[in-house]
mmCIF file of all heavy atoms, coordinates in Angstrom:
data_MODEL
# 
_entry.id   MODEL 
# 
loop_
_atom_site.group_PDB 
_atom_site.id 
_atom_site.type_symbol 
_atom_site.label_atom_id 
_atom_site.label_alt_id 
_atom_site.label_comp_id 
_atom_site.label_asym_id 
_atom_site.label_entity_id 
_atom_site.label_seq_id 
_atom_site.pdbx_PDB_ins_code 
_atom_site.Cartn_x 
_atom_site.Cartn_y 
_atom_site.Cartn_z 
_atom_site.occupancy 
_atom_site.B_iso_or_equiv 
_atom_site.pdbx_formal_charge 
_atom_site.auth_seq_id 
_atom_site.auth_comp_id 
_atom_site.auth_asym_id 
_atom_site.auth_atom_id 
_atom_site.pdbx_PDB_model_num 
ATOM 1   N N   . GLU A 1 1  ? 48.678 86.883  -4.306  1.00 0.00 ? 1  GLU A N   1 
ATOM 2   C CA  . GLU A 1 1  ? 49.173 87.903  -3.395  1.00 0.00 ? 1  GLU A CA  1 
ATOM 3   C C   . GLU A 1 1  ? 48.246 89.109  -3.550  1.00 0.00 ? 1  GLU A C   1 
ATOM 4   O O   . GLU A 1 1  ? 48.195 89.728  -4.618  1.00 0.00 ? 1  GLU A O   1 
ATOM 5   C CB  . GLU A 1 1  ? 50.613 88.308  -3.724  1.00 0.00 ? 1  GLU A CB  1 
ATOM 6   C CG  . GLU A 1 1  ? 51.655 87.243  -3.427  1.00 0.00 ? 1  GLU A CG  1 
ATOM 7   C CD  . GLU A 1 1  ? 51.975 87.127  -1.949  1.00 0.00 ? 1  GLU A CD  1 
ATOM 8   O OE1 . GLU A 1 1  ? 51.529 88.007  -1.171  1.00 0.00 ? 1  GLU A OE1 1 
ATOM 9   O OE2 . GLU A 1 1  ? 52.666 86.168  -1.568  1.00 0.00 ? 1  GLU A OE2 1 
ATOM 10  N N   . ILE A 1 2  ? 47.493 89.413  -2.507  1.00 0.00 ? 2  ILE A N   1 
ATOM 11  C CA  . ILE A 1 2  ? 46.517 90.499  -2.543  1.00 0.00 ? 2  ILE A CA  1 
ATOM 12  C C   . ILE A 1 2  ? 46.992 91.606  -1.616  1.00 0.00 ? 2  ILE A C   1 
ATOM 13  O O   . ILE A 1 2  ? 47.196 91.377  -0.412  1.00 0.00 ? 2  ILE A O   1 
ATOM 14  C CB  . ILE A 1 2  ? 45.118 90.014  -2.107  1.00 0.00 ? 2  ILE A CB  1 
ATOM 15  C CG1 . ILE A 1 2  ? 44.675 88.805  -2.946  1.00 0.00 ? 2  ILE A CG1 1 
ATOM 16  C CG2 . ILE A 1 2  ? 44.105 91.153  -2.198  1.00 0.00 ? 2  ILE A CG2 1 
ATOM 17  C CD1 . ILE A 1 2  ? 44.508 89.076  -4.415  1.00 0.00 ? 2  ILE A CD1 1 
ATOM 18  N N   . ALA A 1 3  ? 47.159 92.800  -2.154  1.00 0.00 ? 3  ALA A N   1 
ATOM 19  C CA  . ALA A 1 3  ? 47.640 93.919  -1.344  1.00 0.00 ? 3  ALA A CA  1 
ATOM 20  C C   . ALA A 1 3  ? 46.542 94.442  -0.430  1.00 0.00 ? 3  ALA A C   1 
ATOM 21  O O   . ALA A 1 3  ? 45.340 94.240  -0.666  1.00 0.00 ? 3  ALA A O   1 
ATOM 22  C CB  . ALA A 1 3  ? 48.134 95.043  -2.256  1.00 0.00 ? 3  ALA A CB  1 
ATOM 23  N N   . ASP A 1 4  ? 46.959 95.131  0.609   1.00 0.00 ? 4  ASP A N   1 
ATOM 24  C CA  . ASP A 1 4  ? 46.018 95.793  1.506   1.00 0.00 ? 4  ASP A CA  1 
ATOM 25  C C   . ASP A 1 4  ? 45.133 96.770  0.723   1.00 0.00 ? 4  ASP A C   1 
ATOM 26  O O   . ASP A 1 4  ? 45.593 97.482  -0.172  1.00 0.00 ? 4  ASP A O   1 
ATOM 27  C CB  . ASP A 1 4  ? 46.806 96.548  2.581   1.00 0.00 ? 4  ASP A CB  1 
ATOM 28  C CG  . ASP A 1 4  ? 45.920 97.349  3.504   1.00 0.00 ? 4  ASP A CG  1 
ATOM 29  O OD1 . ASP A 1 4  ? 44.972 96.780  4.069   1.00 0.00 ? 4  ASP A OD1 1 
ATOM 30  O OD2 . ASP A 1 4  ? 46.167 98.560  3.651   1.00 0.00 ? 4  ASP A OD2 1 
ATOM 31  N N   . HIS A 1 5  ? 43.837 96.788  1.047   1.00 0.00 ? 5  HIS A N   1 
ATOM 32  C CA  . HIS A 1 5  ? 42.853 97.722  0.493   1.00 0.00 ? 5  HIS A CA  1 
ATOM 33  C C   . HIS A 1 5  ? 42.566 97.487  -0.985  1.00 0.00 ? 5  HIS A C   1 
ATOM 34  O O   . HIS A 1 5  ? 42.115 98.381  -1.686  1.00 0.00 ? 5  HIS A O   1 
ATOM 35  C CB  . HIS A 1 5  ? 43.283 99.174  0.735   1.00 0.00 ? 5  HIS A CB  1 
ATOM 36  C CG  . HIS A 1 5  ? 42.181 100.170 0.522   1.00 0.00 ? 5  HIS A CG  1 
ATOM 37  N ND1 . HIS A 1 5  ? 40.888 99.982  0.971   1.00 0.00 ? 5  HIS A ND1 1 
ATOM 38  C CD2 . HIS A 1 5  ? 42.181 101.381 -0.099  1.00 0.00 ? 5  HIS A CD2 1 
ATOM 39  C CE1 . HIS A 1 5  ? 40.153 101.024 0.637   1.00 0.00 ? 5  HIS A CE1 1 
ATOM 40  N NE2 . HIS A 1 5  ? 40.916 101.890 -0.014  1.00 0.00 ? 5  HIS A NE2 1 
ATOM 41  N N   . GLU A 1 6  ? 42.805 96.283  -1.468  1.00 0.00 ? 6  GLU A N   1 
ATOM 42  C CA  . GLU A 1 6  ? 42.338 95.931  -2.809  1.00 0.00 ? 6  GLU A CA  1 
ATOM 43  C C   . GLU A 1 6  ? 40.838 95.632  -2.760  1.00 0.00 ? 6  GLU A C   1 
ATOM 44  O O   . GLU A 1 6  ? 40.298 95.240  -1.717  1.00 0.00 ? 6  GLU A O   1 
ATOM 45  C CB  . GLU A 1 6  ? 43.069 94.697  -3.340  1.00 0.00 ? 6  GLU A CB  1 
ATOM 46  C CG  . GLU A 1 6  ? 44.515 94.924  -3.709  1.00 0.00 ? 6  GLU A CG  1 
ATOM 47  C CD  . GLU A 1 6  ? 44.682 95.364  -5.155  1.00 0.00 ? 6  GLU A CD  1 
ATOM 48  O OE1 . GLU A 1 6  ? 43.710 95.842  -5.763  1.00 0.00 ? 6  GLU A OE1 1 
ATOM 49  O OE2 . GLU A 1 6  ? 45.804 95.230  -5.667  1.00 0.00 ? 6  GLU A OE2 1 
ATOM 50  N N   . PHE A 1 7  ? 40.178 95.798  -3.883  1.00 0.00 ? 7  PHE A N   1 
ATOM 51  C CA  . PHE A 1 7  ? 38.786 95.374  -4.058  1.00 0.00 ? 7  PHE A CA  1 
ATOM 52  C C   . PHE A 1 7  ? 38.828 94.291  -5.140  1.00 0.00 ? 7  PHE A C   1 
ATOM 53  O O   . PHE A 1 7  ? 38.904 94.580  -6.330  1.00 0.00 ? 7  PHE A O   1 
ATOM 54  C CB  . PHE A 1 7  ? 37.897 96.538  -4.488  1.00 0.00 ? 7  PHE A CB  1 
ATOM 55  C CG  . PHE A 1 7  ? 36.414 96.281  -4.371  1.00 0.00 ? 7  PHE A CG  1 
ATOM 56  C CD1 . PHE A 1 7  ? 35.594 97.208  -3.749  1.00 0.00 ? 7  PHE A CD1 1 
ATOM 57  C CD2 . PHE A 1 7  ? 35.838 95.126  -4.876  1.00 0.00 ? 7  PHE A CD2 1 
ATOM 58  C CE1 . PHE A 1 7  ? 34.214 96.992  -3.628  1.00 0.00 ? 7  PHE A CE1 1 
ATOM 59  C CE2 . PHE A 1 7  ? 34.475 94.886  -4.765  1.00 0.00 ? 7  PHE A CE2 1 
ATOM 60  C CZ  . PHE A 1 7  ? 33.665 95.837  -4.139  1.00 0.00 ? 7  PHE A CZ  1 
ATOM 61  N N   . VAL A 1 8  ? 38.812 93.032  -4.703  1.00 0.00 ? 8  VAL A N   1 
ATOM 62  C CA  . VAL A 1 8  ? 38.995 91.898  -5.605  1.00 0.00 ? 8  VAL A CA  1 
ATOM 63  C C   . VAL A 1 8  ? 37.633 91.345  -5.992  1.00 0.00 ? 8  VAL A C   1 
ATOM 64  O O   . VAL A 1 8  ? 36.860 90.911  -5.128  1.00 0.00 ? 8  VAL A O   1 
ATOM 65  C CB  . VAL A 1 8  ? 39.827 90.792  -4.929  1.00 0.00 ? 8  VAL A CB  1 
ATOM 66  C CG1 . VAL A 1 8  ? 40.027 89.617  -5.881  1.00 0.00 ? 8  VAL A CG1 1 
ATOM 67  C CG2 . VAL A 1 8  ? 41.170 91.349  -4.467  1.00 0.00 ? 8  VAL A CG2 1 
ATOM 68  N N   . THR A 1 9  ? 37.320 91.351  -7.282  1.00 0.00 ? 9  THR A N   1 
ATOM 69  C CA  . THR A 1 9  ? 36.083 90.741  -7.759  1.00 0.00 ? 9  THR A CA  1 
ATOM 70  C C   . THR A 1 9  ? 36.417 89.389  -8.385  1.00 0.00 ? 9  THR A C   1 
ATOM 71  O O   . THR A 1 9  ? 37.456 89.217  -9.022  1.00 0.00 ? 9  THR A O   1 
ATOM 72  C CB  . THR A 1 9  ? 35.365 91.643  -8.773  1.00 0.00 ? 9  THR A CB  1 
ATOM 73  O OG1 . THR A 1 9  ? 36.279 92.032  -9.814  1.00 0.00 ? 9  THR A OG1 1 
ATOM 74  C CG2 . THR A 1 9  ? 34.835 92.893  -8.103  1.00 0.00 ? 9  THR A CG2 1 
ATOM 75  N N   . ILE A 1 10 ? 35.508 88.429  -8.180  1.00 0.00 ? 10 ILE A N   1 
ATOM 76  C CA  . ILE A 1 10 ? 35.753 87.043  -8.574  1.00 0.00 ? 10 ILE A CA  1 
ATOM 77  C C   . ILE A 1 10 ? 34.598 86.550  -9.430  1.00 0.00 ? 10 ILE A C   1 
ATOM 78  O O   . ILE A 1 10 ? 33.437 86.626  -9.014  1.00 0.00 ? 10 ILE A O   1 
ATOM 79  C CB  . ILE A 1 10 ? 35.901 86.136  -7.337  1.00 0.00 ? 10 ILE A CB  1 
ATOM 80  C CG1 . ILE A 1 10 ? 37.032 86.645  -6.436  1.00 0.00 ? 10 ILE A CG1 1 
ATOM 81  C CG2 . ILE A 1 10 ? 36.147 84.696  -7.743  1.00 0.00 ? 10 ILE A CG2 1 
ATOM 82  C CD1 . ILE A 1 10 ? 37.096 85.943  -5.083  1.00 0.00 ? 10 ILE A CD1 1 
ATOM 83  N N   . VAL A 1 11 ? 34.910 86.058  -10.628 1.00 0.00 ? 11 VAL A N   1 
ATOM 84  C CA  . VAL A 1 11 ? 33.894 85.516  -11.522 1.00 0.00 ? 11 VAL A CA  1 
ATOM 85  C C   . VAL A 1 11 ? 34.300 84.098  -11.933 1.00 0.00 ? 11 VAL A C   1 
ATOM 86  O O   . VAL A 1 11 ? 35.436 83.678  -11.729 1.00 0.00 ? 11 VAL A O   1 
ATOM 87  C CB  . VAL A 1 11 ? 33.711 86.400  -12.779 1.00 0.00 ? 11 VAL A CB  1 
ATOM 88  C CG1 . VAL A 1 11 ? 33.229 87.789  -12.397 1.00 0.00 ? 11 VAL A CG1 1 
ATOM 89  C CG2 . VAL A 1 11 ? 35.010 86.486  -13.580 1.00 0.00 ? 11 VAL A CG2 1 
ATOM 90  N N   . GLY A 1 12 ? 33.352 83.400  -12.523 1.00 0.00 ? 12 GLY A N   1 
ATOM 91  C CA  . GLY A 1 12 ? 33.621 82.034  -12.974 1.00 0.00 ? 12 GLY A CA  1 
ATOM 92  C C   . GLY A 1 12 ? 32.330 81.257  -13.089 1.00 0.00 ? 12 GLY A C   1 
ATOM 93  O O   . GLY A 1 12 ? 31.282 81.674  -12.577 1.00 0.00 ? 12 GLY A O   1 
ATOM 94  N N   . ALA A 1 13 ? 32.397 80.127  -13.755 1.00 0.00 ? 13 ALA A N   1 
ATOM 95  C CA  . ALA A 1 13 ? 31.212 79.295  -13.962 1.00 0.00 ? 13 ALA A CA  1 
ATOM 96  C C   . ALA A 1 13 ? 30.679 78.784  -12.627 1.00 0.00 ? 13 ALA A C   1 
ATOM 97  O O   . ALA A 1 13 ? 31.415 78.665  -11.639 1.00 0.00 ? 13 ALA A O   1 
ATOM 98  C CB  . ALA A 1 13 ? 31.561 78.117  -14.873 1.00 0.00 ? 13 ALA A CB  1 
ATOM 99  N N   . SER A 1 14 ? 29.393 78.473  -12.598 1.00 0.00 ? 14 SER A N   1 
ATOM 100 C CA  . SER A 1 14 ? 28.782 77.908  -11.405 1.00 0.00 ? 14 SER A CA  1 
ATOM 101 C C   . SER A 1 14 ? 29.485 76.607  -11.021 1.00 0.00 ? 14 SER A C   1 
ATOM 102 O O   . SER A 1 14 ? 29.772 75.770  -11.873 1.00 0.00 ? 14 SER A O   1 
ATOM 103 C CB  . SER A 1 14 ? 27.295 77.644  -11.658 1.00 0.00 ? 14 SER A CB  1 
ATOM 104 O OG  . SER A 1 14 ? 26.687 77.071  -10.531 1.00 0.00 ? 14 SER A OG  1 
ATOM 105 N N   . GLY A 1 15 ? 29.768 76.449  -9.730  1.00 0.00 ? 15 GLY A N   1 
ATOM 106 C CA  . GLY A 1 15 ? 30.388 75.225  -9.250  1.00 0.00 ? 15 GLY A CA  1 
ATOM 107 C C   . GLY A 1 15 ? 31.895 75.174  -9.356  1.00 0.00 ? 15 GLY A C   1 
ATOM 108 O O   . GLY A 1 15 ? 32.493 74.119  -9.111  1.00 0.00 ? 15 GLY A O   1 
ATOM 109 N N   . CYS A 1 16 ? 32.537 76.295  -9.693  1.00 0.00 ? 16 CYS A N   1 
ATOM 110 C CA  . CYS A 1 16 ? 33.995 76.276  -9.875  1.00 0.00 ? 16 CYS A CA  1 
ATOM 111 C C   . CYS A 1 16 ? 34.755 76.675  -8.609  1.00 0.00 ? 16 CYS A C   1 
ATOM 112 O O   . CYS A 1 16 ? 35.955 76.940  -8.667  1.00 0.00 ? 16 CYS A O   1 
ATOM 113 C CB  . CYS A 1 16 ? 34.405 77.165  -11.049 1.00 0.00 ? 16 CYS A CB  1 
ATOM 114 S SG  . CYS A 1 16 ? 34.213 78.924  -10.736 1.00 0.00 ? 16 CYS A SG  1 
ATOM 115 N N   . GLY A 1 17 ? 34.082 76.735  -7.473  1.00 0.00 ? 17 GLY A N   1 
ATOM 116 C CA  . GLY A 1 17 ? 34.790 76.926  -6.216  1.00 0.00 ? 17 GLY A CA  1 
ATOM 117 C C   . GLY A 1 17 ? 34.879 78.343  -5.706  1.00 0.00 ? 17 GLY A C   1 
ATOM 118 O O   . GLY A 1 17 ? 35.597 78.593  -4.726  1.00 0.00 ? 17 GLY A O   1 
ATOM 119 N N   . LYS A 1 18 ? 34.153 79.290  -6.297  1.00 0.00 ? 18 LYS A N   1 
ATOM 120 C CA  . LYS A 1 18 ? 34.250 80.686  -5.859  1.00 0.00 ? 18 LYS A CA  1 
ATOM 121 C C   . LYS A 1 18 ? 33.783 80.851  -4.411  1.00 0.00 ? 18 LYS A C   1 
ATOM 122 O O   . LYS A 1 18 ? 34.463 81.458  -3.589  1.00 0.00 ? 18 LYS A O   1 
ATOM 123 C CB  . LYS A 1 18 ? 33.424 81.585  -6.787  1.00 0.00 ? 18 LYS A CB  1 
ATOM 124 C CG  . LYS A 1 18 ? 33.794 81.507  -8.255  1.00 0.00 ? 18 LYS A CG  1 
ATOM 125 C CD  . LYS A 1 18 ? 33.005 82.479  -9.104  1.00 0.00 ? 18 LYS A CD  1 
ATOM 126 C CE  . LYS A 1 18 ? 31.495 82.291  -9.045  1.00 0.00 ? 18 LYS A CE  1 
ATOM 127 N NZ  . LYS A 1 18 ? 31.049 80.981  -9.596  1.00 0.00 ? 18 LYS A NZ  1 
ATOM 128 N N   . THR A 1 19 ? 32.609 80.308  -4.105  1.00 0.00 ? 19 THR A N   1 
ATOM 129 C CA  . THR A 1 19 ? 32.078 80.423  -2.746  1.00 0.00 ? 19 THR A CA  1 
ATOM 130 C C   . THR A 1 19 ? 32.924 79.620  -1.769  1.00 0.00 ? 19 THR A C   1 
ATOM 131 O O   . THR A 1 19 ? 33.142 80.042  -0.628  1.00 0.00 ? 19 THR A O   1 
ATOM 132 C CB  . THR A 1 19 ? 30.611 79.976  -2.702  1.00 0.00 ? 19 THR A CB  1 
ATOM 133 O OG1 . THR A 1 19 ? 29.825 80.878  -3.501  1.00 0.00 ? 19 THR A OG1 1 
ATOM 134 C CG2 . THR A 1 19 ? 30.069 79.987  -1.281  1.00 0.00 ? 19 THR A CG2 1 
ATOM 135 N N   . THR A 1 20 ? 33.425 78.469  -2.193  1.00 0.00 ? 20 THR A N   1 
ATOM 136 C CA  . THR A 1 20 ? 34.324 77.684  -1.339  1.00 0.00 ? 20 THR A CA  1 
ATOM 137 C C   . THR A 1 20 ? 35.564 78.493  -0.982  1.00 0.00 ? 20 THR A C   1 
ATOM 138 O O   . THR A 1 20 ? 36.038 78.471  0.162   1.00 0.00 ? 20 THR A O   1 
ATOM 139 C CB  . THR A 1 20 ? 34.725 76.381  -2.046  1.00 0.00 ? 20 THR A CB  1 
ATOM 140 O OG1 . THR A 1 20 ? 33.560 75.598  -2.289  1.00 0.00 ? 20 THR A OG1 1 
ATOM 141 C CG2 . THR A 1 20 ? 35.704 75.573  -1.211  1.00 0.00 ? 20 THR A CG2 1 
ATOM 142 N N   . PHE A 1 21 ? 36.092 79.239  -1.947  1.00 0.00 ? 21 PHE A N   1 
ATOM 143 C CA  . PHE A 1 21 ? 37.257 80.088  -1.696  1.00 0.00 ? 21 PHE A CA  1 
ATOM 144 C C   . PHE A 1 21 ? 36.925 81.154  -0.649  1.00 0.00 ? 21 PHE A C   1 
ATOM 145 O O   . PHE A 1 21 ? 37.715 81.386  0.283   1.00 0.00 ? 21 PHE A O   1 
ATOM 146 C CB  . PHE A 1 21 ? 37.711 80.728  -3.001  1.00 0.00 ? 21 PHE A CB  1 
ATOM 147 C CG  . PHE A 1 21 ? 38.904 81.634  -2.868  1.00 0.00 ? 21 PHE A CG  1 
ATOM 148 C CD1 . PHE A 1 21 ? 40.132 81.135  -2.480  1.00 0.00 ? 21 PHE A CD1 1 
ATOM 149 C CD2 . PHE A 1 21 ? 38.794 82.992  -3.123  1.00 0.00 ? 21 PHE A CD2 1 
ATOM 150 C CE1 . PHE A 1 21 ? 41.240 81.971  -2.339  1.00 0.00 ? 21 PHE A CE1 1 
ATOM 151 C CE2 . PHE A 1 21 ? 39.882 83.831  -3.000  1.00 0.00 ? 21 PHE A CE2 1 
ATOM 152 C CZ  . PHE A 1 21 ? 41.113 83.322  -2.605  1.00 0.00 ? 21 PHE A CZ  1 
ATOM 153 N N   . LEU A 1 22 ? 35.747 81.787  -0.764  1.00 0.00 ? 22 LEU A N   1 
ATOM 154 C CA  . LEU A 1 22 ? 35.346 82.774  0.240   1.00 0.00 ? 22 LEU A CA  1 
ATOM 155 C C   . LEU A 1 22 ? 35.219 82.137  1.621   1.00 0.00 ? 22 LEU A C   1 
ATOM 156 O O   . LEU A 1 22 ? 35.617 82.727  2.631   1.00 0.00 ? 22 LEU A O   1 
ATOM 157 C CB  . LEU A 1 22 ? 34.012 83.422  -0.135  1.00 0.00 ? 22 LEU A CB  1 
ATOM 158 C CG  . LEU A 1 22 ? 33.984 84.502  -1.208  1.00 0.00 ? 22 LEU A CG  1 
ATOM 159 C CD1 . LEU A 1 22 ? 32.653 85.250  -1.142  1.00 0.00 ? 22 LEU A CD1 1 
ATOM 160 C CD2 . LEU A 1 22 ? 35.125 85.479  -1.095  1.00 0.00 ? 22 LEU A CD2 1 
ATOM 161 N N   . LYS A 1 23 ? 34.658 80.934  1.668   1.00 0.00 ? 23 LYS A N   1 
ATOM 162 C CA  . LYS A 1 23 ? 34.492 80.253  2.951   1.00 0.00 ? 23 LYS A CA  1 
ATOM 163 C C   . LYS A 1 23 ? 35.841 79.937  3.589   1.00 0.00 ? 23 LYS A C   1 
ATOM 164 O O   . LYS A 1 23 ? 35.973 79.971  4.819   1.00 0.00 ? 23 LYS A O   1 
ATOM 165 C CB  . LYS A 1 23 ? 33.674 78.977  2.771   1.00 0.00 ? 23 LYS A CB  1 
ATOM 166 C CG  . LYS A 1 23 ? 32.194 79.227  2.502   1.00 0.00 ? 23 LYS A CG  1 
ATOM 167 C CD  . LYS A 1 23 ? 31.427 77.922  2.332   1.00 0.00 ? 23 LYS A CD  1 
ATOM 168 C CE  . LYS A 1 23 ? 29.941 78.177  2.136   1.00 0.00 ? 23 LYS A CE  1 
ATOM 169 N NZ  . LYS A 1 23 ? 29.175 76.915  1.952   1.00 0.00 ? 23 LYS A NZ  1 
ATOM 170 N N   . MET A 1 24 ? 36.841 79.650  2.785   1.00 0.00 ? 24 MET A N   1 
ATOM 171 C CA  . MET A 1 24 ? 38.180 79.429  3.338   1.00 0.00 ? 24 MET A CA  1 
ATOM 172 C C   . MET A 1 24 ? 38.768 80.737  3.859   1.00 0.00 ? 24 MET A C   1 
ATOM 173 O O   . MET A 1 24 ? 39.434 80.763  4.902   1.00 0.00 ? 24 MET A O   1 
ATOM 174 C CB  . MET A 1 24 ? 39.090 78.786  2.289   1.00 0.00 ? 24 MET A CB  1 
ATOM 175 C CG  . MET A 1 24 ? 38.761 77.334  2.022   1.00 0.00 ? 24 MET A CG  1 
ATOM 176 S SD  . MET A 1 24 ? 40.043 76.440  1.104   1.00 0.00 ? 24 MET A SD  1 
ATOM 177 C CE  . MET A 1 24 ? 39.942 77.260  -0.482  1.00 0.00 ? 24 MET A CE  1 
ATOM 178 N N   . LEU A 1 25 ? 38.538 81.845  3.152   1.00 0.00 ? 25 LEU A N   1 
ATOM 179 C CA  . LEU A 1 25 ? 38.992 83.143  3.648   1.00 0.00 ? 25 LEU A CA  1 
ATOM 180 C C   . LEU A 1 25 ? 38.299 83.503  4.963   1.00 0.00 ? 25 LEU A C   1 
ATOM 181 O O   . LEU A 1 25 ? 38.899 84.119  5.845   1.00 0.00 ? 25 LEU A O   1 
ATOM 182 C CB  . LEU A 1 25 ? 38.730 84.230  2.608   1.00 0.00 ? 25 LEU A CB  1 
ATOM 183 C CG  . LEU A 1 25 ? 39.594 84.211  1.350   1.00 0.00 ? 25 LEU A CG  1 
ATOM 184 C CD1 . LEU A 1 25 ? 39.058 85.219  0.337   1.00 0.00 ? 25 LEU A CD1 1 
ATOM 185 C CD2 . LEU A 1 25 ? 41.053 84.517  1.673   1.00 0.00 ? 25 LEU A CD2 1 
ATOM 186 N N   . LEU A 1 26 ? 37.036 83.113  5.086   1.00 0.00 ? 26 LEU A N   1 
ATOM 187 C CA  . LEU A 1 26 ? 36.275 83.402  6.306   1.00 0.00 ? 26 LEU A CA  1 
ATOM 188 C C   . LEU A 1 26 ? 36.699 82.507  7.462   1.00 0.00 ? 26 LEU A C   1 
ATOM 189 O O   . LEU A 1 26 ? 36.611 82.900  8.630   1.00 0.00 ? 26 LEU A O   1 
ATOM 190 C CB  . LEU A 1 26 ? 34.777 83.234  6.034   1.00 0.00 ? 26 LEU A CB  1 
ATOM 191 C CG  . LEU A 1 26 ? 33.811 83.575  7.168   1.00 0.00 ? 26 LEU A CG  1 
ATOM 192 C CD1 . LEU A 1 26 ? 33.944 85.037  7.589   1.00 0.00 ? 26 LEU A CD1 1 
ATOM 193 C CD2 . LEU A 1 26 ? 32.373 83.275  6.756   1.00 0.00 ? 26 LEU A CD2 1 
ATOM 194 N N   . GLY A 1 27 ? 37.152 81.295  7.162   1.00 0.00 ? 27 GLY A N   1 
ATOM 195 C CA  . GLY A 1 27 ? 37.497 80.338  8.195   1.00 0.00 ? 27 GLY A CA  1 
ATOM 196 C C   . GLY A 1 27 ? 36.448 79.265  8.401   1.00 0.00 ? 27 GLY A C   1 
ATOM 197 O O   . GLY A 1 27 ? 36.595 78.396  9.261   1.00 0.00 ? 27 GLY A O   1 
# 
């Protein structure tokens, strides 16, 4: 649950789905 106007930073090992998660947010 992310509130309006949050600045969410995302870290994790390479290949753990971070970019995939962004692509889902983008559509």
